[in-house]
C-alpha atoms as a PDB file:
ATOM      1  CA  UNK A   1     159.710  17.002  49.503  1.00  0.00           C
ATOM      2  CA  UNK A   2     159.876  19.539  46.693  1.00  0.00           C
ATOM      3  CA  UNK A   3     163.267  20.540  45.286  1.00  0.00           C
ATOM      4  CA  UNK A   4     164.019  23.444  42.959  1.00  0.00           C
ATOM      5  CA  UNK A   5     167.042  23.135  40.678  1.00  0.00           C
ATOM      6  CA  UNK A   6     168.261  26.362  39.060  1.00  0.00           C
ATOM      7  CA  UNK A   7     170.320  26.150  35.867  1.00  0.00           C
ATOM      8  CA  UNK A   8     172.135  28.791  33.854  1.00  0.00           C
ATOM      9  CA  UNK A   9     170.857  30.231  30.566  1.00  0.00           C
ATOM     10  CA  UNK A  10     174.280  31.650  29.595  1.00  0.00           C
ATOM     11  CA  UNK A  11     176.108  29.920  26.741  1.00  0.00           C
ATOM     12  CA  UNK A  12     179.061  32.159  25.815  1.00  0.00           C
ATOM     13  CA  UNK A  13     182.484  31.479  27.333  1.00  0.00           C
ATOM     14  CA  UNK A  14     183.544  35.106  27.685  1.00  0.00           C
ATOM     15  CA  UNK A  15     184.873  36.398  24.369  1.00  0.00           C
ATOM     16  CA  UNK A  16     186.605  33.139  23.409  1.00  0.00           C
ATOM     17  CA  UNK A  17     183.932  32.283  20.838  1.00  0.00           C
ATOM     18  CA  UNK A  18     183.463  28.951  22.619  1.00  0.00           C
ATOM     19  CA  UNK A  19     180.265  27.669  24.190  1.00  0.00           C
ATOM     20  CA  UNK A  20     179.587  27.084  27.870  1.00  0.00           C
ATOM     21  CA  UNK A  21     176.492  26.473  30.001  1.00  0.00           C
ATOM     22  CA  UNK A  22     175.753  23.966  32.747  1.00  0.00           C
ATOM     23  CA  UNK A  23     177.923  20.900  33.426  1.00  0.00           C
ATOM     24  CA  UNK A  24     176.047  17.671  32.765  1.00  0.00           C
ATOM     25  CA  UNK A  25     177.350  15.657  35.742  1.00  0.00           C
ATOM     26  CA  UNK A  26     176.557  18.538  38.098  1.00  0.00           C
ATOM     27  CA  UNK A  27     172.948  18.381  36.970  1.00  0.00           C
ATOM     28  CA  UNK A  28     172.530  14.619  36.543  1.00  0.00           C
ATOM     29  CA  UNK A  29     174.048  13.418  39.828  1.00  0.00           C
ATOM     30  CA  UNK A  30     171.994  15.752  42.073  1.00  0.00           C
ATOM     31  CA  UNK A  31     168.860  15.274  39.958  1.00  0.00           C
ATOM     32  CA  UNK A  32     168.935  11.523  40.510  1.00  0.00           C
ATOM     33  CA  UNK A  33     169.931  11.879  44.160  1.00  0.00           C
ATOM     34  CA  UNK A  34     166.771  13.927  44.668  1.00  0.00           C
ATOM     35  CA  UNK A  35     164.532  11.711  42.511  1.00  0.00           C
ATOM     36  CA  UNK A  36     165.799   8.516  44.151  1.00  0.00           C
ATOM     37  CA  UNK A  37     164.985  10.065  47.541  1.00  0.00           C
ATOM     38  CA  UNK A  38     161.392  10.472  46.392  1.00  0.00           C
ATOM     39  CA  UNK A  39     161.522  14.223  45.886  1.00  0.00           C
ATOM     40  CA  UNK A  40     159.504  16.176  43.369  1.00  0.00           C
ATOM     41  CA  UNK A  41     162.026  18.135  41.288  1.00  0.00           C
ATOM     42  CA  UNK A  42     161.247  21.359  39.417  1.00  0.00           C
ATOM     43  CA  UNK A  43     163.842  22.766  37.007  1.00  0.00           C
ATOM     44  CA  UNK A  44     164.154  26.503  36.384  1.00  0.00           C
ATOM     45  CA  UNK A  45     166.453  28.845  34.453  1.00  0.00           C
ATOM     46  CA  UNK A  46     166.505  32.601  33.772  1.00  0.00           C
ATOM     47  CA  UNK A  47     165.297  32.231  30.173  1.00  0.00           C
ATOM     48  CA  UNK A  48     163.178  29.099  30.668  1.00  0.00           C
ATOM     49  CA  UNK A  49     163.162  26.230  28.191  1.00  0.00           C
ATOM     50  CA  UNK A  50     166.282  24.230  27.352  1.00  0.00           C
ATOM     51  CA  UNK A  51     169.361  25.453  29.255  1.00  0.00           C
ATOM     52  CA  UNK A  52     172.654  25.398  27.327  1.00  0.00           C
ATOM     53  CA  UNK A  53     174.808  22.344  27.980  1.00  0.00           C
ATOM     54  CA  UNK A  54     178.564  22.879  28.156  1.00  0.00           C
ATOM     55  CA  UNK A  55     179.687  20.705  25.223  1.00  0.00           C
ATOM     56  CA  UNK A  56     182.806  19.586  27.081  1.00  0.00           C
ATOM     57  CA  UNK A  57     180.644  18.013  29.773  1.00  0.00           C
ATOM     58  CA  UNK A  58     179.055  15.738  27.164  1.00  0.00           C
ATOM     59  CA  UNK A  59     182.345  14.384  25.823  1.00  0.00           C
ATOM     60  CA  UNK A  60     183.139  10.682  26.348  1.00  0.00           C
ATOM     61  CA  UNK A  61     185.744  11.249  29.078  1.00  0.00           C
ATOM     62  CA  UNK A  62     183.270  13.336  31.123  1.00  0.00           C
ATOM     63  CA  UNK A  63     180.625  10.610  31.270  1.00  0.00           C
ATOM     64  CA  UNK A  64     179.605   9.053  34.579  1.00  0.00           C
ATOM     65  CA  UNK A  65     177.017   6.520  35.652  1.00  0.00           C
ATOM     66  CA  UNK A  66     174.543   9.348  36.247  1.00  0.00           C
ATOM     67  CA  UNK A  67     175.112  11.141  32.918  1.00  0.00           C
ATOM     68  CA  UNK A  68     174.621   7.814  31.141  1.00  0.00           C
ATOM     69  CA  UNK A  69     171.423   7.281  33.113  1.00  0.00           C
ATOM     70  CA  UNK A  70     170.224  10.705  31.979  1.00  0.00           C
ATOM     71  CA  UNK A  71     171.026   9.795  28.373  1.00  0.00           C
ATOM     72  CA  UNK A  72     168.553   6.895  28.620  1.00  0.00           C
ATOM     73  CA  UNK A  73     165.857   8.852  30.469  1.00  0.00           C
ATOM     74  CA  UNK A  74     163.392  10.594  28.105  1.00  0.00           C
ATOM     75  CA  UNK A  75     161.357  11.976  31.026  1.00  0.00           C
ATOM     76  CA  UNK A  76     164.406  13.708  32.519  1.00  0.00           C
ATOM     77  CA  UNK A  77     165.414  15.022  29.103  1.00  0.00           C
ATOM     78  CA  UNK A  78     161.918  16.439  28.608  1.00  0.00           C
ATOM     79  CA  UNK A  79     162.006  18.072  32.053  1.00  0.00           C
ATOM     80  CA  UNK A  80     165.342  19.688  31.201  1.00  0.00           C
ATOM     81  CA  UNK A  81     164.070  20.911  27.828  1.00  0.00           C
ATOM     82  CA  UNK A  82     161.132  22.672  29.482  1.00  0.00           C
ATOM     83  CA  UNK A  83     162.566  24.478  32.503  1.00  0.00           C
ATOM     84  CA  UNK A  84     160.274  27.132  33.955  1.00  0.00           C
ATOM     85  CA  UNK A  85     161.330  30.774  33.942  1.00  0.00           C
ATOM     86  CA  UNK A  86     163.127  31.686  37.128  1.00  0.00           C
ATOM     87  CA  UNK A  87     161.057  34.834  37.677  1.00  0.00           C
ATOM     88  CA  UNK A  88     157.886  32.693  37.962  1.00  0.00           C
ATOM     89  CA  UNK A  89     159.264  30.679  40.895  1.00  0.00           C
ATOM     90  CA  UNK A  90     158.275  31.251  44.531  1.00  0.00           C
ATOM     91  CA  UNK A  91     160.578  30.004  47.299  1.00  0.00           C
ATOM     92  CA  UNK A  92     157.512  29.329  49.475  1.00  0.00           C
ATOM     93  CA  UNK A  93     156.619  26.417  47.180  1.00  0.00           C
ATOM     94  CA  UNK A  94     159.853  24.497  47.809  1.00  0.00           C
ATOM     95  CA  UNK A  95     161.728  22.849  50.659  1.00  0.00           C
ATOM     96  CA  UNK A  96     165.185  23.477  49.232  1.00  0.00           C
ATOM     97  CA  UNK A  97     167.075  24.766  46.171  1.00  0.00           C
ATOM     98  CA  UNK A  98     170.150  23.427  44.375  1.00  0.00           C
ATOM     99  CA  UNK A  99     172.305  25.167  41.765  1.00  0.00           C
ATOM    100  CA  UNK A 100     174.369  22.976  39.387  1.00  0.00           C
ATOM    101  CA  UNK A 101     177.547  24.547  38.042  1.00  0.00           C
ATOM    102  CA  UNK A 102     179.314  24.847  34.747  1.00  0.00           C
ATOM    103  CA  UNK A 103     180.880  28.199  33.875  1.00  0.00           C
ATOM    104  CA  UNK A 104     177.564  29.745  32.767  1.00  0.00           C
ATOM    105  CA  UNK A 105     176.360  30.789  36.257  1.00  0.00           C
ATOM    106  CA  UNK A 106     179.361  33.093  36.687  1.00  0.00           C
ATOM    107  CA  UNK A 107     177.839  35.364  34.043  1.00  0.00           C
ATOM    108  CA  UNK A 108     174.084  35.199  34.535  1.00  0.00           C
ATOM    109  CA  UNK A 109     173.076  33.740  37.915  1.00  0.00           C
ATOM    110  CA  UNK A 110     175.827  35.587  39.810  1.00  0.00           C
ATOM    111  CA  UNK A 111     174.412  38.918  38.594  1.00  0.00           C
ATOM    112  CA  UNK A 112     170.690  38.074  38.396  1.00  0.00           C
ATOM    113  CA  UNK A 113     168.530  40.127  40.807  1.00  0.00           C
ATOM    114  CA  UNK A 114     165.883  37.393  40.500  1.00  0.00           C
ATOM    115  CA  UNK A 115     168.305  34.653  41.545  1.00  0.00           C
ATOM    116  CA  UNK A 116     169.791  36.779  44.332  1.00  0.00           C
ATOM    117  CA  UNK A 117     166.322  37.505  45.762  1.00  0.00           C
ATOM    118  CA  UNK A 118     165.362  33.836  45.485  1.00  0.00           C
ATOM    119  CA  UNK A 119     168.412  32.623  47.421  1.00  0.00           C
ATOM    120  CA  UNK A 120     167.792  35.293  50.053  1.00  0.00           C
ATOM    121  CA  UNK A 121     164.149  34.155  50.355  1.00  0.00           C
ATOM    122  CA  UNK A 122     165.188  30.542  50.952  1.00  0.00           C
ATOM    123  CA  UNK A 123     167.826  31.631  53.443  1.00  0.00           C
ATOM    124  CA  UNK A 124     165.452  33.929  55.379  1.00  0.00           C
ATOM    125  CA  UNK A 125     162.955  31.076  55.610  1.00  0.00           C
ATOM    126  CA  UNK A 126     165.616  28.801  57.094  1.00  0.00           C
ATOM    127  CA  UNK A 127     165.506  26.475  54.095  1.00  0.00           C
ATOM    128  CA  UNK A 128     168.741  24.776  52.955  1.00  0.00           C
ATOM    129  CA  UNK A 129     170.472  26.031  49.813  1.00  0.00           C
ATOM    130  CA  UNK A 130     173.053  24.056  47.823  1.00  0.00           C
ATOM    131  CA  UNK A 131     175.583  24.912  45.122  1.00  0.00           C
ATOM    132  CA  UNK A 132     178.326  22.974  43.339  1.00  0.00           C
ATOM    133  CA  UNK A 133     181.496  23.865  41.406  1.00  0.00           C
ATOM    134  CA  UNK A 134     180.966  27.280  39.717  1.00  0.00           C
ATOM    135  CA  UNK A 135     177.394  27.665  40.982  1.00  0.00           C
ATOM    136  CA  UNK A 136     178.563  28.997  44.374  1.00  0.00           C
ATOM    137  CA  UNK A 137     179.434  32.094  42.338  1.00  0.00           C
ATOM    138  CA  UNK A 138     175.681  32.792  42.436  1.00  0.00           C
ATOM    139  CA  UNK A 139     176.258  33.782  46.084  1.00  0.00           C
ATOM    140  CA  UNK A 140     178.475  36.698  45.070  1.00  0.00           C
ATOM    141  CA  UNK A 141     175.891  39.440  45.704  1.00  0.00           C
ATOM    142  CA  UNK A 142     173.592  37.556  48.098  1.00  0.00           C
ATOM    143  CA  UNK A 143     173.161  39.338  51.418  1.00  0.00           C
ATOM    144  CA  UNK A 144     172.328  38.083  54.884  1.00  0.00           C
ATOM    145  CA  UNK A 145     169.484  39.771  56.750  1.00  0.00           C
ATOM    146  CA  UNK A 146     172.009  42.162  58.364  1.00  0.00           C
ATOM    147  CA  UNK A 147     173.054  43.450  54.934  1.00  0.00           C
ATOM    148  CA  UNK A 148     176.469  41.770  55.015  1.00  0.00           C
ATOM    149  CA  UNK A 149     177.508  39.195  52.375  1.00  0.00           C
ATOM    150  CA  UNK A 150     175.738  35.925  53.150  1.00  0.00           C
ATOM    151  CA  UNK A 151     179.021  34.007  53.090  1.00  0.00           C
ATOM    152  CA  UNK A 152     180.871  36.408  55.389  1.00  0.00           C
ATOM    153  CA  UNK A 153     182.322  34.440  58.287  1.00  0.00           C
ATOM    154  CA  UNK A 154     180.963  31.169  56.925  1.00  0.00           C
ATOM    155  CA  UNK A 155     182.776  28.084  55.680  1.00  0.00           C
ATOM    156  CA  UNK A 156     182.397  27.749  51.921  1.00  0.00           C
ATOM    157  CA  UNK A 157     183.997  26.093  48.933  1.00  0.00           C
ATOM    158  CA  UNK A 158     183.691  26.271  45.149  1.00  0.00           C
ATOM    159  CA  UNK A 159     185.844  25.753  42.053  1.00  0.00           C
ATOM    160  CA  UNK A 160     189.410  26.512  43.142  1.00  0.00           C
ATOM    161  CA  UNK A 161     191.991  28.773  41.530  1.00  0.00           C
ATOM    162  CA  UNK A 162     194.177  25.757  40.749  1.00  0.00           C
ATOM    163  CA  UNK A 163     191.298  23.960  39.039  1.00  0.00           C
ATOM    164  CA  UNK A 164     190.448  27.074  37.006  1.00  0.00           C
ATOM    165  CA  UNK A 165     194.101  27.301  35.994  1.00  0.00           C
ATOM    166  CA  UNK A 166     194.082  23.616  35.011  1.00  0.00           C
ATOM    167  CA  UNK A 167     191.234  24.213  32.553  1.00  0.00           C
ATOM    168  CA  UNK A 168     192.969  27.336  31.213  1.00  0.00           C
ATOM    169  CA  UNK A 169     190.189  29.808  31.997  1.00  0.00           C
ATOM    170  CA  UNK A 170     191.709  31.968  34.739  1.00  0.00           C
ATOM    171  CA  UNK A 171     191.818  34.963  32.383  1.00  0.00           C
ATOM    172  CA  UNK A 172     188.416  34.239  30.809  1.00  0.00           C
ATOM    173  CA  UNK A 173     186.025  33.998  33.758  1.00  0.00           C
ATOM    174  CA  UNK A 174     184.505  37.235  35.122  1.00  0.00           C
ATOM    175  CA  UNK A 175     185.806  36.391  38.613  1.00  0.00           C
ATOM    176  CA  UNK A 176     187.587  33.599  40.457  1.00  0.00           C
ATOM    177  CA  UNK A 177     185.401  32.009  43.127  1.00  0.00           C
ATOM    178  CA  UNK A 178     188.250  31.336  45.550  1.00  0.00           C
ATOM    179  CA  UNK A 179     189.479  34.946  45.406  1.00  0.00           C
ATOM    180  CA  UNK A 180     185.967  36.429  45.456  1.00  0.00           C
ATOM    181  CA  UNK A 181     184.866  34.427  48.480  1.00  0.00           C
ATOM    182  CA  UNK A 182     187.944  35.404  50.455  1.00  0.00           C
ATOM    183  CA  UNK A 183     187.391  39.056  49.533  1.00  0.00           C
ATOM    184  CA  UNK A 184     183.776  38.828  50.742  1.00  0.00           C
ATOM    185  CA  UNK A 185     184.947  37.517  54.107  1.00  0.00           C
ATOM    186  CA  UNK A 186     184.031  33.891  53.507  1.00  0.00           C
ATOM    187  CA  UNK A 187     186.114  31.146  55.100  1.00  0.00           C
ATOM    188  CA  UNK A 188     187.030  29.514  51.798  1.00  0.00           C
ATOM    189  CA  UNK A 189     188.350  25.953  51.987  1.00  0.00           C
ATOM    190  CA  UNK A 190     189.281  23.428  49.332  1.00  0.00           C
ATOM    191  CA  UNK A 191     190.261  19.812  48.944  1.00  0.00           C
ATOM    192  CA  UNK A 192     192.537  18.252  46.339  1.00  0.00           C
ATOM    193  CA  UNK A 193     191.827  19.236  42.732  1.00  0.00           C
ATOM    194  CA  UNK A 194     188.987  17.217  41.173  1.00  0.00           C
ATOM    195  CA  UNK A 195     188.285  15.228  44.365  1.00  0.00           C
ATOM    196  CA  UNK A 196     184.932  15.374  46.122  1.00  0.00           C
ATOM    197  CA  UNK A 197     184.918  18.132  48.746  1.00  0.00           C
ATOM    198  CA  UNK A 198     181.705  19.412  50.323  1.00  0.00           C
ATOM    199  CA  UNK A 199     181.170  21.891  53.141  1.00  0.00           C
ATOM    200  CA  UNK A 200     178.002  22.277  55.194  1.00  0.00           C
ATOM    201  CA  UNK A 201     177.723  25.476  57.229  1.00  0.00           C
ATOM    202  CA  UNK A 202     174.299  25.744  58.828  1.00  0.00           C
ATOM    203  CA  UNK A 203     171.803  25.592  55.977  1.00  0.00           C
ATOM    204  CA  UNK A 204     174.424  26.381  53.313  1.00  0.00           C
ATOM    205  CA  UNK A 205     175.926  23.509  51.283  1.00  0.00           C
ATOM    206  CA  UNK A 206     178.758  24.097  48.814  1.00  0.00           C
ATOM    207  CA  UNK A 207     180.693  21.575  46.712  1.00  0.00           C
ATOM    208  CA  UNK A 208     184.050  22.278  45.099  1.00  0.00           C
ATOM    209  CA  UNK A 209     183.939  20.632  41.670  1.00  0.00           C
ATOM    210  CA  UNK A 210     182.042  18.197  39.411  1.00  0.00           C
ATOM    211  CA  UNK A 211     183.163  15.257  41.555  1.00  0.00           C
ATOM    212  CA  UNK A 212     181.388  16.842  44.527  1.00  0.00           C
ATOM    213  CA  UNK A 213     177.951  16.902  42.869  1.00  0.00           C
ATOM    214  CA  UNK A 214     176.492  13.747  44.351  1.00  0.00           C
ATOM    215  CA  UNK A 215     177.801  14.366  47.874  1.00  0.00           C
ATOM    216  CA  UNK A 216     176.579  17.976  47.835  1.00  0.00           C
ATOM    217  CA  UNK A 217     173.083  16.816  46.888  1.00  0.00           C
ATOM    218  CA  UNK A 218     173.113  14.145  49.599  1.00  0.00           C
ATOM    219  CA  UNK A 219     174.239  16.729  52.179  1.00  0.00           C
ATOM    220  CA  UNK A 220     171.332  18.938  51.130  1.00  0.00           C
ATOM    221  CA  UNK A 221     168.897  16.027  51.476  1.00  0.00           C
ATOM    222  CA  UNK A 222     170.109  15.416  55.031  1.00  0.00           C
ATOM    223  CA  UNK A 223     169.291  19.018  55.930  1.00  0.00           C
ATOM    224  CA  UNK A 224     165.766  18.717  54.522  1.00  0.00           C
ATOM    225  CA  UNK A 225     165.013  15.344  56.105  1.00  0.00           C
END
């Protein structure tokens, strides 16, 4: 099995002057779920090279068993430092794709024609696609084959309004996933703040928050088995 993981290249948290990027747990937990299942994992990002890490996700209170495993894994660190450029990737070469979150994707992957076309290619081929936390925002402009929003009429989740409010970024992010998904006609659902909550609708897997990372990856693996 060959898995593509797509990370953000965006490192500015709006105009706050603070840094953002991808969230470490949302990369590490799925990465090891895929590797432990025997998958070949290829990492990509819009700019290629080292994607920006959200510094908050590397703080002591954000550490998990999987982030600590990553910290002791030079091979994984090297793979992350040398992501391929997203525009060189072909969906035909992979069985599935997974997007880790962090706030970065709301700015670059949500608006990237390359990412949009890639997700559509996986979807048209009937291959499972997975997203966690803020990464479902990358579905914002993705269309189904009938030209309607891909998520229209489908069960989806993603970082909730209450979670965004809890981290104080409601007025900073370019859009709120919960509101955007409802506006697009998606059947948005959510669990309790910060608790694992994953929805599978056909070949589409979405996880609500960092705590959903491992379960979202496992759900994706089940669809590719």
